[in-house]
Each structure stands twice: as structure tokens, then as C-alpha cells.
N, C-alpha and C. Protein backbone atom coordinates (compact mmCIF):
# COMPACT_ATOMS: atom_id res chain seq x y z
N UNK A 1 -56.69 28.57 85.71
CA UNK A 1 -55.33 28.27 85.48
C UNK A 1 -55.41 26.42 85.37
N UNK A 2 -56.54 26.17 86.08
CA UNK A 2 -55.86 24.74 86.45
C UNK A 2 -56.77 24.09 84.80
N UNK A 3 -57.41 24.57 84.48
CA UNK A 3 -58.19 24.02 82.63
C UNK A 3 -57.04 24.11 81.66
N UNK A 4 -56.06 25.05 81.77
CA UNK A 4 -55.55 24.68 80.75
C UNK A 4 -54.15 23.83 80.91
N UNK A 5 -53.60 23.97 81.89
CA UNK A 5 -53.16 23.33 82.55
C UNK A 5 -53.37 21.52 81.99
N UNK A 6 -54.66 21.68 82.34
CA UNK A 6 -55.24 20.20 81.80
C UNK A 6 -55.43 19.74 80.43
N UNK A 7 -55.52 20.75 79.57
CA UNK A 7 -55.95 20.64 78.38
C UNK A 7 -54.58 20.50 77.59
N UNK A 8 -53.10 21.51 78.19
CA UNK A 8 -52.07 20.88 77.55
C UNK A 8 -51.69 19.15 77.74
N UNK A 9 -52.11 19.33 79.45
CA UNK A 9 -51.71 17.72 79.38
C UNK A 9 -51.94 16.58 78.07
N UNK A 10 -53.60 17.21 78.41
CA UNK A 10 -54.49 15.74 77.19
C UNK A 10 -53.74 16.17 75.71
N UNK A 11 -53.41 17.53 75.05
CA UNK A 11 -52.94 17.29 74.02
C UNK A 11 -51.73 16.67 73.93
N UNK A 12 -50.69 16.67 74.80
CA UNK A 12 -49.55 16.48 74.65
C UNK A 12 -49.54 14.58 74.62
N UNK A 13 -50.92 14.34 75.27
CA UNK A 13 -51.01 12.65 76.20
C UNK A 13 -51.34 12.55 74.28
N UNK A 14 -51.96 13.44 74.00
CA UNK A 14 -52.71 12.63 72.04
C UNK A 14 -51.61 12.27 71.42
N UNK A 15 -50.94 13.13 71.17
CA UNK A 15 -49.64 13.79 70.27
C UNK A 15 -48.68 12.75 70.37
N UNK A 16 -48.22 12.32 71.67
CA UNK A 16 -47.21 10.71 71.79
C UNK A 16 -48.27 9.59 71.37
N UNK A 17 -49.26 9.87 71.93
CA UNK A 17 -50.14 8.39 71.41
C UNK A 17 -50.11 8.40 69.84
N UNK A 18 -50.51 9.50 68.80
CA UNK A 18 -50.18 9.40 67.61
C UNK A 18 -49.14 9.33 67.05
N UNK A 19 -48.09 9.54 67.79
CA UNK A 19 -46.52 9.29 66.75
C UNK A 19 -46.45 7.38 66.97
N UNK A 20 -45.97 7.15 66.00
CA UNK A 20 -46.08 5.82 65.14
C UNK A 20 -44.45 5.36 65.71
N UNK A 21 -44.82 4.15 66.41
CA UNK A 21 -43.45 3.78 66.74
C UNK A 21 -43.24 2.55 66.17
N UNK A 22 -41.49 2.45 66.22
CA UNK A 22 -40.84 1.46 64.90
C UNK A 22 -40.80 0.49 65.99
N UNK A 23 -40.40 -1.00 65.50
CA UNK A 23 -40.88 -2.27 65.94
C UNK A 23 -38.64 -2.30 66.09
N UNK A 24 -38.54 -3.01 67.36
CA UNK A 24 -36.45 -3.41 67.19
C UNK A 24 -37.28 -3.79 66.09
N UNK A 25 -37.34 -5.21 65.42
CA UNK A 25 -37.14 -6.05 64.32
C UNK A 25 -37.00 -5.10 62.99
N UNK A 26 -38.19 -3.49 62.90
CA UNK A 26 -38.27 -3.10 61.60
C UNK A 26 -37.05 -2.34 61.63
N UNK A 27 -36.75 -1.98 63.02
CA UNK A 27 -34.96 -1.00 63.05
C UNK A 27 -33.97 -1.58 62.70
N UNK A 28 -33.78 -2.43 63.16
CA UNK A 28 -32.89 -3.36 62.30
C UNK A 28 -32.69 -3.57 61.17
N UNK A 29 -33.91 -4.13 60.73
CA UNK A 29 -33.91 -4.40 59.14
C UNK A 29 -33.80 -2.64 58.19
N UNK A 30 -34.53 -1.61 58.72
CA UNK A 30 -33.85 -0.44 58.33
C UNK A 30 -32.58 -0.22 58.45
N UNK A 31 -31.83 -0.40 59.32
CA UNK A 31 -30.19 -0.27 59.85
C UNK A 31 -29.66 -1.15 58.86
N UNK A 32 -29.43 -2.70 58.45
CA UNK A 32 -29.04 -3.02 57.77
C UNK A 32 -29.29 -2.65 56.30
N UNK A 33 -30.76 -1.77 55.88
CA UNK A 33 -30.51 -1.37 54.59
C UNK A 33 -29.78 -0.61 54.52
N UNK A 34 -30.10 0.51 55.28
CA UNK A 34 -28.64 1.21 55.56
C UNK A 34 -27.42 1.04 54.63
N UNK A 35 -26.73 -0.10 55.84
CA UNK A 35 -25.76 -0.48 55.42
C UNK A 35 -25.21 -1.26 53.96
N UNK A 36 -26.30 -1.62 53.85
CA UNK A 36 -26.67 -2.32 52.56
C UNK A 36 -26.37 -0.91 51.58
N UNK A 37 -26.70 0.11 51.48
CA UNK A 37 -26.79 0.90 50.89
C UNK A 37 -25.32 1.68 50.80
N UNK A 38 -25.16 1.80 51.23
CA UNK A 38 -23.67 2.26 52.14
C UNK A 38 -22.82 1.58 51.19
N UNK A 39 -22.59 0.59 51.50
CA UNK A 39 -21.57 -0.30 51.18
C UNK A 39 -21.96 -0.80 49.80
N UNK A 40 -23.04 -0.33 48.98
CA UNK A 40 -23.34 -0.41 47.42
C UNK A 40 -22.35 0.80 46.72
N UNK A 41 -23.10 1.67 47.29
CA UNK A 41 -22.01 3.37 46.89
C UNK A 41 -21.11 3.10 47.03
N UNK A 42 -20.42 2.55 48.54
CA UNK A 42 -18.70 2.73 48.19
C UNK A 42 -17.97 2.11 47.32
N UNK A 43 -19.08 0.56 46.95
CA UNK A 43 -18.35 -0.29 45.37
C UNK A 43 -18.79 0.77 44.44
N UNK A 44 -19.62 1.53 44.20
CA UNK A 44 -19.63 1.91 42.99
C UNK A 44 -18.53 2.81 42.68
N UNK A 45 -19.06 3.62 43.88
CA UNK A 45 -17.66 5.06 43.89
C UNK A 45 -16.31 4.39 43.66
N UNK A 46 -16.08 2.98 43.92
CA UNK A 46 -14.86 2.25 43.84
C UNK A 46 -14.65 1.78 42.08
N UNK A 47 -15.68 1.30 41.45
CA UNK A 47 -16.03 0.91 40.38
C UNK A 47 -15.60 2.26 39.35
N UNK A 48 -16.27 2.95 40.40
CA UNK A 48 -16.17 4.93 38.75
C UNK A 48 -14.60 4.91 38.81
N UNK A 49 -14.01 4.82 40.09
CA UNK A 49 -12.88 5.47 40.32
C UNK A 49 -11.76 4.72 38.96
N UNK A 50 -11.67 3.22 39.48
CA UNK A 50 -11.49 2.13 38.73
C UNK A 50 -11.74 2.61 37.05
N UNK A 51 -13.00 2.81 36.81
CA UNK A 51 -13.03 2.82 35.48
C UNK A 51 -12.64 4.06 34.94
N UNK A 52 -12.60 5.20 35.66
CA UNK A 52 -12.00 6.52 35.18
C UNK A 52 -10.66 6.39 34.93
N UNK A 53 -9.77 5.44 35.92
CA UNK A 53 -8.32 4.87 35.35
C UNK A 53 -7.92 4.49 34.58
N UNK A 54 -9.24 3.57 33.71
CA UNK A 54 -8.98 2.46 32.68
C UNK A 54 -8.84 3.41 31.53
N UNK A 55 -10.26 4.00 31.66
CA UNK A 55 -10.52 4.98 30.28
C UNK A 55 -9.36 6.34 30.23
N UNK A 56 -8.46 6.34 31.58
CA UNK A 56 -7.70 7.54 31.56
C UNK A 56 -6.27 6.17 30.82
N UNK A 57 -5.86 5.64 31.09
CA UNK A 57 -4.79 4.85 30.95
C UNK A 57 -5.20 4.42 28.64
N UNK A 58 -6.56 4.09 28.62
CA UNK A 58 -6.49 3.63 27.89
C UNK A 58 -6.28 5.12 26.57
N UNK A 59 -7.23 5.52 27.42
CA UNK A 59 -6.62 7.42 26.25
C UNK A 59 -5.20 7.70 26.45
N UNK A 60 -4.76 7.17 27.09
CA UNK A 60 -3.30 7.18 26.78
C UNK A 60 -2.85 6.44 25.87
N UNK A 61 -3.11 5.30 25.52
CA UNK A 61 -2.47 4.22 25.05
C UNK A 61 -3.11 4.52 24.04
N UNK A 62 -4.16 4.95 23.27
CA UNK A 62 -4.87 5.10 22.00
C UNK A 62 -3.96 6.14 21.52
N UNK A 63 -3.51 7.32 22.27
CA UNK A 63 -2.91 8.58 21.55
C UNK A 63 -1.38 8.05 21.43
N UNK A 64 -0.95 7.11 22.26
CA UNK A 64 0.60 6.37 21.34
C UNK A 64 0.16 5.87 20.22
N UNK A 65 -0.93 5.16 20.11
CA UNK A 65 -1.28 3.71 19.21
C UNK A 65 -1.29 4.71 17.95
N UNK A 66 -2.44 5.75 18.38
CA UNK A 66 -2.22 7.24 17.36
C UNK A 66 -0.68 7.59 16.60
N UNK A 67 0.00 8.09 17.46
CA UNK A 67 1.20 8.70 17.35
C UNK A 67 2.15 7.39 16.38
N UNK A 68 2.11 6.51 16.80
CA UNK A 68 2.50 5.49 16.06
C UNK A 68 2.36 4.94 14.95
N UNK A 69 1.08 5.42 15.02
CA UNK A 69 0.25 4.84 13.84
C UNK A 69 0.54 6.44 12.27
N UNK A 70 0.82 7.25 12.64
CA UNK A 70 0.88 8.62 12.22
C UNK A 70 2.20 8.16 11.81
N UNK A 71 3.44 7.94 12.21
CA UNK A 71 4.44 7.85 12.14
C UNK A 71 4.89 6.77 10.94
N UNK A 72 4.23 5.42 11.24
CA UNK A 72 3.98 4.63 10.06
C UNK A 72 3.51 5.28 8.82
N UNK A 73 2.87 6.07 9.25
CA UNK A 73 1.96 7.00 7.53
C UNK A 73 2.39 7.54 6.87
N UNK A 74 3.40 8.46 7.81
CA UNK A 74 4.48 9.01 7.35
C UNK A 74 5.57 8.67 6.62
N UNK A 75 5.77 7.64 7.45
CA UNK A 75 7.45 6.63 6.48
C UNK A 75 6.90 5.75 5.20
N UNK A 76 6.00 5.18 4.92
CA UNK A 76 4.71 4.74 3.96
C UNK A 76 4.67 5.84 3.13
N UNK A 77 4.60 7.28 3.10
CA UNK A 77 4.18 8.16 2.51
C UNK A 77 5.75 8.82 2.08
N UNK A 78 6.59 8.61 2.47
CA UNK A 78 8.07 8.78 2.08
C UNK A 78 8.49 7.49 1.00
N UNK A 79 8.50 6.43 1.91
CA UNK A 79 8.98 5.42 0.83
C UNK A 79 7.86 5.50 -0.52
N UNK A 80 6.56 6.18 -0.23
CA UNK A 80 5.91 5.77 -1.23
C UNK A 80 6.87 6.58 -2.35
N UNK A 81 6.69 8.20 -2.17
CA UNK A 81 7.48 8.82 -2.69
C UNK A 81 8.42 8.45 -3.09
N UNK A 82 9.77 8.22 -2.93
CA UNK A 82 10.68 7.56 -3.40
C UNK A 82 10.50 6.57 -4.43
N UNK A 83 10.09 5.66 -3.86
CA UNK A 83 9.65 4.68 -5.18
C UNK A 83 8.86 5.19 -6.07
N UNK A 84 7.95 6.45 -6.49
CA UNK A 84 7.78 6.65 -7.23
C UNK A 84 8.62 7.64 -8.31
N UNK A 85 9.04 8.32 -7.14
CA UNK A 85 10.90 9.21 -7.85
C UNK A 85 11.03 8.00 -8.51
N UNK A 86 11.93 6.83 -7.95
CA UNK A 86 13.21 6.19 -8.88
C UNK A 86 12.09 5.57 -9.76
N UNK A 87 10.50 5.45 -10.28
CA UNK A 87 10.01 4.78 -11.16
C UNK A 87 9.69 5.30 -11.91
N UNK A 88 10.02 6.49 -11.88
CA UNK A 88 9.94 7.88 -12.66
C UNK A 88 11.24 7.99 -13.99
N UNK A 89 12.63 7.83 -13.11
CA UNK A 89 13.62 7.85 -13.74
C UNK A 89 14.96 7.05 -14.20
N UNK A 90 13.44 5.33 -14.15
CA UNK A 90 14.26 4.19 -14.32
C UNK A 90 13.91 4.28 -15.77
N UNK A 91 15.36 3.59 -16.44
CA UNK A 91 14.71 4.01 -18.01
C UNK A 91 14.10 3.03 -19.26
N UNK A 92 13.76 2.14 -18.09
CA UNK A 92 13.10 0.96 -18.73
C UNK A 92 11.83 1.44 -18.72
N UNK A 93 9.96 0.87 -19.21
CA UNK A 93 9.36 1.12 -18.82
C UNK A 93 9.04 0.14 -17.91
N UNK A 94 7.51 0.45 -16.82
CA UNK A 94 7.07 -0.19 -15.77
C UNK A 94 5.73 -0.43 -15.78
N UNK A 95 5.51 -1.15 -16.22
CA UNK A 95 3.22 -1.13 -16.13
C UNK A 95 2.75 -2.09 -15.10
N UNK A 96 2.42 -2.06 -13.95
CA UNK A 96 1.50 -2.55 -13.28
C UNK A 96 -0.04 -2.53 -13.31
N UNK A 97 0.03 -3.73 -14.06
CA UNK A 97 -1.54 -4.76 -14.43
C UNK A 97 -2.37 -5.53 -13.90
N UNK A 98 -3.43 -5.13 -13.51
CA UNK A 98 -4.82 -5.85 -12.60
C UNK A 98 -5.14 -6.69 -13.06
N UNK A 99 -5.68 -7.34 -12.49
CA UNK A 99 -6.21 -9.63 -13.03
C UNK A 99 -7.51 -8.73 -14.12
N UNK A 100 -8.16 -7.31 -14.24
CA UNK A 100 -9.20 -7.64 -15.30
C UNK A 100 -8.16 -6.53 -16.52
N UNK A 101 -7.18 -6.71 -16.39
CA UNK A 101 -6.37 -6.31 -17.26
C UNK A 101 -6.57 -4.89 -17.47
N UNK A 102 -6.67 -4.29 -16.38
CA UNK A 102 -6.71 -2.73 -16.54
C UNK A 102 -5.20 -2.25 -15.84
N UNK A 103 -4.48 -0.83 -16.46
CA UNK A 103 -3.45 -0.63 -15.81
C UNK A 103 -3.13 0.30 -14.61
N UNK A 104 -2.88 -0.47 -13.46
CA UNK A 104 -2.96 0.61 -12.41
C UNK A 104 -1.91 1.59 -12.15
N UNK A 105 -1.27 1.53 -12.77
CA UNK A 105 -0.04 2.29 -12.81
C UNK A 105 1.09 1.64 -13.67
N UNK A 106 1.65 3.26 -14.27
CA UNK A 106 2.75 2.90 -15.91
C UNK A 106 3.45 4.33 -15.44
N UNK A 107 4.86 4.77 -15.95
CA UNK A 107 5.92 4.92 -15.49
C UNK A 107 5.70 5.78 -16.64
N UNK A 108 6.50 7.28 -17.04
CA UNK A 108 6.25 8.01 -18.15
C UNK A 108 7.02 7.81 -19.28
N UNK A 109 8.29 6.51 -19.37
CA UNK A 109 9.23 5.70 -20.18
C UNK A 109 7.54 4.60 -20.70
N UNK A 110 7.08 3.81 -20.44
CA UNK A 110 6.10 3.08 -20.60
C UNK A 110 5.22 4.05 -21.54
N UNK A 111 4.33 5.13 -20.94
CA UNK A 111 4.05 5.85 -21.93
C UNK A 111 4.34 6.44 -23.07
N UNK A 112 6.10 6.96 -23.30
CA UNK A 112 6.66 7.07 -24.21
C UNK A 112 6.49 6.05 -25.36
N UNK A 113 6.79 4.54 -24.37
CA UNK A 113 7.17 3.10 -25.65
C UNK A 113 5.47 3.28 -25.87
N UNK A 114 4.85 2.94 -25.52
CA UNK A 114 3.18 2.56 -26.26
C UNK A 114 2.22 2.34 -25.38
N UNK A 115 2.47 4.21 -24.99
CA UNK A 115 1.13 4.97 -24.28
C UNK A 115 0.30 3.92 -23.26
N UNK A 116 1.00 3.72 -22.00
CA UNK A 116 0.75 3.03 -21.71
C UNK A 116 0.69 4.06 -20.15
N UNK A 117 -0.85 4.13 -19.19
CA UNK A 117 -1.39 4.91 -18.30
C UNK A 117 -2.50 4.40 -17.58
N UNK A 118 -2.20 4.87 -16.50
CA UNK A 118 -3.37 4.17 -15.64
C UNK A 118 -5.09 4.44 -15.89
N UNK A 119 -5.48 3.48 -15.84
CA UNK A 119 -7.26 3.62 -16.08
C UNK A 119 -7.10 3.35 -17.36
N UNK A 120 -6.23 3.11 -18.25
CA UNK A 120 -6.08 2.20 -19.32
C UNK A 120 -6.18 -0.06 -19.70
N UNK A 121 -6.79 0.48 -20.26
CA UNK A 121 -6.11 -1.62 -20.53
C UNK A 121 -5.03 -1.91 -21.38
N UNK A 122 -4.65 -3.05 -20.60
CA UNK A 122 -3.09 -3.24 -21.14
C UNK A 122 -3.27 -3.89 -22.47
N UNK A 123 -4.05 -4.89 -22.99
CA UNK A 123 -4.48 -4.98 -23.79
C UNK A 123 -4.60 -4.06 -25.18
N UNK A 124 -4.83 -2.49 -25.09
CA UNK A 124 -5.32 -1.45 -25.85
C UNK A 124 -3.74 -1.10 -26.60
N UNK A 125 -3.15 -1.33 -25.18
CA UNK A 125 -1.07 -0.28 -25.64
C UNK A 125 -0.79 -1.79 -26.47
N UNK A 126 -0.88 -2.87 -26.45
CA UNK A 126 -0.49 -4.46 -26.66
C UNK A 126 -0.98 -4.22 -28.44
N UNK A 127 -1.75 -3.72 -28.53
CA UNK A 127 -2.44 -3.78 -30.11
C UNK A 127 -1.33 -2.64 -30.94
N UNK A 128 -0.45 -1.87 -29.88
CA UNK A 128 0.58 -1.57 -31.13
C UNK A 128 1.72 -2.24 -31.42
N UNK A 129 2.09 -3.55 -30.43
CA UNK A 129 3.18 -4.40 -30.88
C UNK A 129 2.99 -4.85 -31.88
N UNK A 130 3.91 -5.08 -32.59
CA UNK A 130 4.23 -6.73 -33.55
C UNK A 130 5.60 -7.41 -33.57
N UNK A 131 5.29 -8.27 -33.29
CA UNK A 131 6.52 -9.27 -33.26
C UNK A 131 7.62 -9.34 -34.05
N UNK A 132 8.67 -9.08 -33.22
CA UNK A 132 9.67 -9.44 -34.05
C UNK A 132 9.99 -10.45 -34.48
N UNK A 133 11.75 -10.33 -34.79
CA UNK A 133 11.92 -11.83 -36.00
C UNK A 133 12.79 -12.89 -34.78
N UNK A 134 12.94 -11.72 -33.56
CA UNK A 134 13.33 -11.93 -32.39
C UNK A 134 12.54 -12.62 -30.87
N UNK A 135 12.71 -14.01 -30.34
CA UNK A 135 11.77 -14.57 -29.28
C UNK A 135 11.67 -13.02 -27.86
N UNK A 136 10.40 -12.66 -27.91
CA UNK A 136 10.08 -12.09 -26.59
C UNK A 136 10.69 -10.50 -27.36
N UNK A 137 10.84 -9.57 -28.13
CA UNK A 137 11.21 -8.73 -28.51
C UNK A 137 10.09 -8.23 -30.11
N UNK A 138 9.45 -7.30 -29.80
CA UNK A 138 8.07 -6.53 -30.44
C UNK A 138 8.71 -5.26 -31.33
N UNK A 139 8.09 -4.80 -32.12
CA UNK A 139 8.40 -3.70 -32.53
C UNK A 139 7.17 -2.88 -32.26
N UNK A 140 7.27 -1.59 -32.35
CA UNK A 140 6.10 -0.89 -31.73
C UNK A 140 6.33 0.34 -32.93
N UNK A 141 5.56 1.67 -32.45
CA UNK A 141 6.10 2.94 -33.07
C UNK A 141 5.63 4.03 -31.66
N UNK A 142 7.25 5.28 -31.23
CA UNK A 142 6.27 5.53 -29.91
C UNK A 142 5.93 6.65 -30.05
N UNK A 143 5.40 7.57 -28.86
CA UNK A 143 4.63 8.69 -28.75
C UNK A 143 5.15 9.77 -29.97
N UNK A 144 6.05 9.74 -29.78
CA UNK A 144 7.03 10.32 -30.99
C UNK A 144 7.13 10.54 -32.63
N UNK A 145 6.66 9.13 -33.21
CA UNK A 145 6.67 8.87 -34.09
C UNK A 145 7.87 8.07 -34.60
N UNK A 146 8.98 7.49 -34.06
CA UNK A 146 10.45 6.49 -33.94
C UNK A 146 9.73 5.67 -33.57
N UNK A 147 10.72 4.39 -34.69
CA UNK A 147 10.17 3.07 -34.43
C UNK A 147 11.58 2.33 -33.28
N UNK A 148 10.76 1.76 -32.42
CA UNK A 148 11.65 1.23 -31.52
C UNK A 148 11.18 -0.24 -31.75
N UNK A 149 12.60 -1.18 -31.46
CA UNK A 149 11.93 -2.55 -30.75
C UNK A 149 12.65 -2.38 -28.99
N UNK A 150 11.34 -3.43 -28.80
CA UNK A 150 11.00 -3.35 -27.18
C UNK A 150 11.23 -4.96 -27.39
N UNK A 151 11.69 -4.86 -25.53
CA UNK A 151 11.55 -6.60 -24.98
C UNK A 151 10.32 -6.37 -24.01
N UNK A 152 9.54 -7.27 -23.99
CA UNK A 152 8.66 -7.16 -23.04
C UNK A 152 8.73 -8.37 -22.06
N UNK A 153 8.72 -8.24 -20.78
CA UNK A 153 8.83 -9.65 -19.85
C UNK A 153 7.97 -9.01 -18.46
N UNK A 154 7.10 -9.91 -18.35
CA UNK A 154 6.03 -9.74 -16.95
C UNK A 154 6.40 -11.15 -16.05
N UNK A 155 5.91 -10.47 -14.74
CA UNK A 155 6.09 -11.41 -13.93
C UNK A 155 4.99 -10.83 -13.10
N UNK A 156 4.60 -11.92 -11.86
CA UNK A 156 3.35 -11.88 -11.20
C UNK A 156 3.80 -11.18 -9.83
N UNK A 157 2.98 -9.94 -9.17
CA UNK A 157 2.97 -9.86 -8.19
C UNK A 157 2.63 -10.48 -7.02
N UNK A 158 3.17 -10.82 -6.07
CA UNK A 158 3.61 -11.87 -5.23
C UNK A 158 2.35 -11.50 -3.67
N UNK A 159 0.98 -11.79 -3.78
CA UNK A 159 -0.26 -11.51 -2.66
C UNK A 159 -0.86 -10.87 -3.52
N UNK A 160 -0.66 -10.69 -4.44
CA UNK A 160 -1.91 -9.41 -5.35
C UNK A 160 -2.32 -10.21 -7.11
N UNK A 161 -3.98 -9.83 -7.03
CA UNK A 161 -3.79 -10.78 -8.75
C UNK A 161 -3.66 -9.30 -8.85
N UNK A 162 -2.36 -9.14 -9.93
CA UNK A 162 -1.54 -8.44 -10.50
C UNK A 162 -0.33 -8.53 -11.28
N UNK A 163 -0.04 -8.16 -12.20
CA UNK A 163 1.25 -8.69 -12.72
C UNK A 163 2.45 -7.31 -12.80
N UNK A 164 3.41 -7.69 -12.94
CA UNK A 164 4.35 -6.34 -13.77
C UNK A 164 4.92 -6.51 -15.07
N UNK A 165 4.02 -5.24 -15.67
CA UNK A 165 5.34 -5.58 -16.95
C UNK A 165 6.80 -4.26 -17.13
N UNK A 166 8.06 -5.42 -17.46
CA UNK A 166 8.90 -4.72 -18.16
C UNK A 166 8.77 -4.63 -19.24
N UNK A 167 9.38 -3.29 -20.42
CA UNK A 167 9.47 -2.69 -21.50
C UNK A 167 10.99 -2.30 -21.50
N UNK A 168 11.45 -2.80 -22.02
CA UNK A 168 12.93 -2.33 -22.04
C UNK A 168 13.78 -2.17 -23.90
N UNK A 169 13.52 -1.41 -24.04
CA UNK A 169 14.30 -0.37 -25.06
C UNK A 169 15.86 -0.80 -26.21
N UNK A 170 15.08 -2.02 -26.83
CA UNK A 170 15.96 -3.01 -28.00
C UNK A 170 16.72 -2.09 -29.08
N UNK A 171 16.07 -0.81 -29.45
CA UNK A 171 16.81 -0.52 -30.55
C UNK A 171 17.71 0.53 -30.99
N UNK A 172 18.94 -0.19 -30.43
CA UNK A 172 20.12 0.74 -30.00
C UNK A 172 21.01 -0.98 -29.92
N UNK A 173 20.29 -1.92 -29.03
CA UNK A 173 21.57 -2.69 -29.11
C UNK A 173 21.38 -3.66 -30.53
N UNK A 174 19.83 -4.05 -30.83
CA UNK A 174 19.30 -3.45 -32.01
C UNK A 174 20.25 -3.79 -33.60
N UNK A 175 20.40 -2.15 -33.57
CA UNK A 175 21.16 -1.65 -34.64
C UNK A 175 22.27 -1.94 -34.18
N UNK A 176 23.21 -2.25 -33.10
CA UNK A 176 24.60 -2.42 -32.81
C UNK A 176 24.92 -3.78 -32.73
N UNK A 177 24.01 -4.70 -32.97
CA UNK A 177 23.94 -6.18 -33.82
C UNK A 177 24.06 -6.25 -34.74
N UNK A 178 23.27 -5.50 -35.62
CA UNK A 178 22.90 -5.39 -37.30
C UNK A 178 24.00 -4.69 -38.01
N UNK A 179 24.85 -3.75 -36.79
CA UNK A 179 26.30 -3.12 -37.47
C UNK A 179 27.22 -4.49 -36.96
N UNK A 180 27.47 -5.05 -36.16
CA UNK A 180 27.97 -5.72 -36.18
C UNK A 180 28.27 -7.03 -36.91
N UNK A 181 26.81 -7.23 -37.37
CA UNK A 181 27.07 -8.70 -38.53
C UNK A 181 27.22 -8.23 -39.91
N UNK A 182 26.65 -7.01 -39.38
CA UNK A 182 27.69 -6.40 -41.19
C UNK A 182 28.78 -6.10 -41.58
N UNK A 183 29.61 -5.88 -40.09
CA UNK A 183 31.01 -5.59 -40.15
C UNK A 183 31.94 -6.93 -40.27
N UNK A 184 31.08 -7.91 -39.81
CA UNK A 184 31.44 -9.29 -39.48
C UNK A 184 31.33 -10.18 -41.48
N UNK A 185 30.45 -9.60 -42.19
CA UNK A 185 29.79 -9.57 -43.27
C UNK A 185 31.47 -9.12 -44.31
N UNK A 186 31.31 -7.83 -44.13
CA UNK A 186 32.41 -6.81 -45.06
C UNK A 186 33.99 -7.57 -44.30
N UNK A 187 33.85 -8.33 -43.05
CA UNK A 187 35.31 -8.77 -43.34
C UNK A 187 35.78 -9.89 -43.64
N UNK A 188 34.61 -10.70 -43.69
CA UNK A 188 34.44 -12.03 -44.66
C UNK A 188 34.86 -12.09 -45.80
N UNK A 189 33.98 -11.11 -46.20
CA UNK A 189 34.09 -10.51 -48.01
C UNK A 189 35.54 -9.88 -48.06
N UNK A 190 36.57 -9.15 -47.42
CA UNK A 190 37.56 -8.88 -47.37
C UNK A 190 38.27 -9.92 -47.27
N UNK A 191 38.02 -10.92 -46.89
CA UNK A 191 38.81 -12.20 -46.26
C UNK A 191 39.44 -12.91 -47.90
N UNK A 192 37.89 -12.78 -48.25
CA UNK A 192 37.92 -13.60 -49.65
C UNK A 192 38.53 -13.11 -50.74
N UNK A 193 38.26 -11.70 -50.27
CA UNK A 193 39.39 -10.68 -51.50
C UNK A 193 40.64 -11.11 -51.97
N UNK A 194 41.18 -10.82 -50.10
CA UNK A 194 42.97 -11.13 -50.19
C UNK A 194 42.52 -12.51 -50.78
N UNK A 195 42.22 -13.08 -49.63
CA UNK A 195 42.94 -15.36 -50.64
C UNK A 195 42.31 -14.90 -52.14
N UNK A 196 42.13 -14.15 -52.60
CA UNK A 196 41.25 -14.32 -54.20
C UNK A 196 42.57 -13.62 -54.32
N UNK A 197 42.86 -12.61 -54.44
CA UNK A 197 43.74 -11.92 -54.86
C UNK A 197 45.50 -12.62 -55.04
N UNK A 198 45.62 -12.83 -53.26
CA UNK A 198 46.46 -13.74 -53.37
C UNK A 198 46.93 -15.34 -53.98
N UNK A 199 45.57 -15.75 -55.02
CA UNK A 199 45.38 -17.03 -55.40
C UNK A 199 45.98 -16.81 -56.71
N UNK A 200 45.18 -15.57 -57.01
CA UNK A 200 46.02 -14.66 -58.67
C UNK A 200 46.95 -14.70 -58.54
N UNK A 201 47.55 -13.88 -58.07
CA UNK A 201 48.84 -13.33 -57.83
C UNK A 201 49.64 -14.28 -57.92
N UNK A 202 49.61 -15.56 -57.22
CA UNK A 202 50.84 -16.47 -57.01
C UNK A 202 50.58 -17.21 -58.72
N UNK A 203 49.28 -17.37 -59.44
CA UNK A 203 50.28 -18.25 -60.90
C UNK A 203 50.88 -17.09 -61.65
N UNK A 204 50.81 -15.83 -61.83
CA UNK A 204 51.18 -14.64 -62.04
C UNK A 204 52.21 -14.55 -61.79
N UNK A 205 53.26 -14.59 -60.47
CA UNK A 205 54.47 -14.83 -60.27
C UNK A 205 54.63 -15.79 -60.69
N UNK A 206 54.63 -16.65 -61.17
CA UNK A 206 54.89 -17.96 -61.71
C UNK A 206 55.52 -17.84 -62.65
N UNK A 207 53.95 -17.25 -63.33
CA UNK A 207 54.56 -17.17 -65.23
C UNK A 207 55.48 -16.35 -65.51
N UNK A 208 55.77 -14.90 -64.26
CA UNK A 208 56.55 -13.98 -64.81
C UNK A 208 57.76 -14.51 -64.48
N UNK A 209 58.55 -15.78 -63.66
CA UNK A 209 59.79 -16.60 -63.60
C UNK A 209 60.28 -17.12 -64.71
């Protein structure tokens, strides 16, 4: 019985001898390393939490900004629809011409007057205009074959390399002007005839006395 006990004691002694021992300074370094690791982990966790909060805040701000942009877009779309409706209802022709002489926009009246439509060159429309006897007035044949007298004016668009051309139908005004001039001539001729008749009657009346 003494031999097994001695063998067990020998094995225990050998095991205790083979187990590595950690020096106090190395244990301190390991403890410091674990402390630094834990501190870094805590900082990373805090930074991650802060980042999550920032992402959530930015997401909320982005949603608000998108909502505001959507509202502005819808408002501009409504304004564009209103302006388009107003443009189409104007009695005058309106043409927007870019810097390369291309037509960007034209209302139906401008198309009826000179055939202006988007995609054409403005010069192709002005070929239909013939200078009238009055400044800034032109004569053309509209889409229905009728002769029209137009007043043409242009103005630059602020902040854009484009200009707006306004076409006013002066046909009726010109006809009224001609009629008024004719009436004035007829009235003058009537006055002359009345004066002449009076002058003729005066000697005749004196002769009959």
C-alpha cells in the first residue's frame, strides 16, 4: 500500500512542477490590458449608441426634408398648372425663345397666329411676317388663311438666356382706325359740300331779290 501512495505523491509533485507560474509584474500587465480592453469596449459601445442616435435623428430630419421638398414640388406643380392654364387662355400670343432661337413654349394663340410650337425655330415663324406700314406691326396669314395684323414685342427673361415674344392681334383695331379715318374724310367732304352749297346759294339768293 505504500508504493501507490508514493507514486501518487510523485505525480502530484511533478504536475505542480510542470504548471507555469505567472510573475507578479506579468499579471499586472495582463490586468492592465484587460482594463484597457474593457474601457475600449465601453467607449465603443457608447460611440455606437451615439452613432445610432445620430442616425435616428438624421433619418427623422431627412424624412422631414423629403416631406418639405414634396410639398414644395406639389405647390410648384400646382402653380405650373395654373400658369399653363392662364397662358392658354390669354388672348395674345406668347412665345418663349431660347438663346439658340429655339421655341421652348408657345400658347395656342401663338400657334394660330404664326404656327409657333415647341421645338421649332422662331425664325421659321417670323418668315411668315411681312412688315406693315406702321412701326412694330406686321401682317401675316394665320392657320385658317385669314390675314392678320400683328403687333410684335420682345423682352428678355431675367436670369435666363431666353426672351419672351408677345403677339397682339391688331386686325380689329386697324380696321376701326381705317373706318374712323374714312368717316373723318367723309365728314370733311360733307362739310366741304355744305360750305360749297352755302356759297352757291348766297349769290343766287341775292340775285333773286
